Amino acid sequence: MEGSSLLLTARLRLRRLRPADEPDLVALDSDPEVMRYVGSPPGTRTPEETADRARQRISADHGPCGWWLVEGKDDGVFHGLGLLLPMPEGDDVEVGYRLARLVGQGDRDRGLEALRTYGRSSSTVSSDGVPPRIRTT
């Protein structure tokens, strides 16, 4: 799975971000309910800041980690955003998500488990061979 660009569950597809995803990412991050606990301080940002952050995520290279678009496996419907990012200090990896309000908890849990499994099996393993500790946010 090293460097994978596609993760699948029974009902979801998690893939790396593309420039065409910008409108969905901006809409997600512009929803006050979705952003209620996200950010410091939490909440939505200006449209310009939101678009800029979406572009940064799309162009970011985090190696085997990074940002993942979550969509329906069969219909391609946008469900949200997942992340698997190295913590600033140490070998820990953060796994998190930001999902549209209509996504069910079962799909959320399956998507997070796919990211956790990938994170543990990918090249995010530290140089001493120890798998990273996965922190869910």
Protein backbone atom coordinates (compact mmCIF):
# COMPACT_ATOMS: atom_id res chain seq x y z
CA MET A 1 0.00 0.00 0.00
CA GLU A 2 2.99 2.32 0.16
CA GLY A 3 2.23 5.60 -1.58
CA SER A 4 -1.31 4.47 -2.36
CA SER A 5 -3.59 7.00 -3.98
CA LEU A 6 -6.80 4.98 -3.51
CA LEU A 7 -8.37 3.29 -0.48
CA LEU A 8 -11.63 1.35 -0.71
CA THR A 9 -14.24 0.19 1.79
CA ALA A 10 -17.49 -1.62 1.03
CA ARG A 11 -19.24 1.70 0.26
CA LEU A 12 -16.55 4.39 0.14
CA ARG A 13 -13.61 5.40 -2.03
CA LEU A 14 -10.89 7.54 -0.45
CA ARG A 15 -8.56 9.11 -2.99
CA ARG A 16 -5.94 11.83 -3.18
CA LEU A 17 -7.17 15.34 -3.89
CA ARG A 18 -7.32 16.81 -7.41
CA PRO A 19 -7.74 20.42 -8.58
CA ALA A 20 -11.32 19.63 -9.68
CA ASP A 21 -12.17 18.92 -6.00
CA GLU A 22 -11.78 22.56 -4.98
CA PRO A 23 -15.51 23.50 -5.17
CA ASP A 24 -16.53 20.55 -2.95
CA LEU A 25 -13.78 21.32 -0.42
CA VAL A 26 -14.73 25.01 -0.30
CA ALA A 27 -18.41 24.14 0.19
CA LEU A 28 -17.55 21.70 2.99
CA ASP A 29 -15.34 24.20 4.82
CA SER A 30 -17.94 26.96 4.37
CA ASP A 31 -20.58 25.00 6.30
CA PRO A 32 -20.77 26.41 9.87
CA GLU A 33 -22.01 23.08 11.29
CA VAL A 34 -19.15 21.14 9.73
CA MET A 35 -16.58 23.69 10.93
CA ARG A 36 -18.04 24.15 14.41
CA TYR A 37 -15.07 22.41 16.09
CA VAL A 38 -12.43 22.80 13.37
CA GLY A 39 -9.64 25.37 13.43
CA SER A 40 -8.12 27.69 15.96
CA PRO A 41 -10.38 29.44 16.64
CA PRO A 42 -13.03 27.04 15.34
CA GLY A 43 -15.47 28.12 12.66
CA THR A 44 -15.64 29.18 9.05
CA ARG A 45 -13.20 31.59 7.42
CA THR A 46 -13.61 34.17 4.67
CA PRO A 47 -14.33 32.77 1.19
CA GLU A 48 -10.81 33.77 0.10
CA GLU A 49 -9.14 32.00 3.05
CA THR A 50 -11.30 28.92 2.52
CA ALA A 51 -10.42 28.69 -1.19
CA ASP A 52 -6.73 29.24 -0.43
CA ARG A 53 -6.73 26.45 2.18
CA ALA A 54 -8.45 24.09 -0.28
CA ARG A 55 -5.76 24.81 -2.89
CA GLN A 56 -3.00 24.26 -0.31
CA ARG A 57 -4.42 20.86 0.59
CA ILE A 58 -4.74 19.88 -3.06
CA SER A 59 -1.13 20.79 -3.84
CA ALA A 60 0.45 19.54 -0.59
CA ASP A 61 2.79 16.56 -0.75
CA HIS A 62 2.89 14.59 2.49
CA GLY A 63 4.43 11.46 0.97
CA PRO A 64 2.41 8.40 1.93
CA CYS A 65 0.26 10.52 4.23
CA GLY A 66 -1.87 13.49 3.24
CA TRP A 67 -5.42 14.60 2.47
CA TRP A 68 -8.04 12.23 1.04
CA LEU A 69 -11.34 12.98 -0.65
CA VAL A 70 -14.11 10.68 0.64
CA GLU A 71 -16.76 9.76 -1.92
CA GLY A 72 -19.34 7.07 -2.59
CA LYS A 73 -17.73 4.02 -4.18
CA ASP A 74 -20.63 3.33 -6.52
CA ASP A 75 -21.96 6.82 -7.23
CA GLY A 76 -18.94 9.12 -6.73
CA VAL A 77 -20.98 11.45 -4.49
CA PHE A 78 -18.78 13.72 -2.35
CA HIS A 79 -18.88 12.80 1.35
CA GLY A 80 -16.04 14.85 2.77
CA LEU A 81 -12.35 14.97 3.56
CA GLY A 82 -10.04 12.61 5.45
CA LEU A 83 -6.53 13.26 6.63
CA LEU A 84 -3.51 11.25 7.60
CA LEU A 85 -0.75 13.67 8.62
CA PRO A 86 2.52 13.37 10.54
CA MET A 87 2.48 15.22 13.85
CA PRO A 88 4.92 18.17 14.02
CA GLU A 89 7.04 16.40 16.66
CA GLY A 90 7.86 12.70 16.92
CA ASP A 91 6.65 9.77 14.84
CA ASP A 92 2.93 9.95 15.61
CA VAL A 93 0.41 10.31 12.81
CA GLU A 94 -2.91 12.15 13.08
CA VAL A 95 -5.97 10.65 11.40
CA GLY A 96 -9.06 12.79 11.07
CA TYR A 97 -12.03 13.65 8.95
CA ARG A 98 -14.45 16.38 8.00
CA LEU A 99 -17.69 15.05 6.52
CA ALA A 100 -20.80 16.54 5.01
CA ARG A 101 -23.76 16.49 7.38
CA LEU A 102 -25.64 13.77 5.49
CA VAL A 103 -22.95 11.10 5.87
CA GLY A 104 -23.87 8.29 8.25
CA GLN A 105 -21.76 7.29 11.24
CA GLY A 106 -21.13 3.82 9.79
CA ASP A 107 -19.54 5.30 6.67
CA ARG A 108 -17.49 7.68 8.82
CA ASP A 109 -16.19 4.79 10.92
CA ARG A 110 -15.31 2.68 7.86
CA GLY A 111 -13.48 5.59 6.25
CA LEU A 112 -11.47 6.27 9.40
CA GLU A 113 -10.58 2.59 9.72
CA ALA A 114 -9.33 2.55 6.12
CA LEU A 115 -7.05 5.52 6.87
CA ARG A 116 -5.83 3.95 10.15
CA THR A 117 -5.04 0.65 8.42
CA TYR A 118 -3.21 2.42 5.60
CA GLY A 119 -1.30 4.57 8.08
CA ARG A 120 -0.10 1.54 10.03
CA SER A 121 0.94 -0.40 6.93
CA SER A 122 2.45 2.35 4.78
CA SER A 123 5.91 3.86 4.83
CA THR A 124 4.87 6.11 7.71
CA VAL A 125 6.74 3.58 9.86
CA SER A 126 9.64 5.30 11.59
CA SER A 127 13.28 4.63 10.77
CA ASP A 128 13.57 2.24 13.74
CA GLY A 129 10.80 0.06 12.29
CA VAL A 130 8.18 1.03 14.87
CA PRO A 131 4.70 1.68 13.45
CA PRO A 132 3.39 5.14 14.24
CA ARG A 133 0.89 5.75 16.99
CA ILE A 134 -2.29 6.86 15.27
CA ARG A 135 -4.09 9.78 16.94
CA THR A 136 -7.70 10.27 15.91
CA THR A 137 -8.97 13.85 15.86
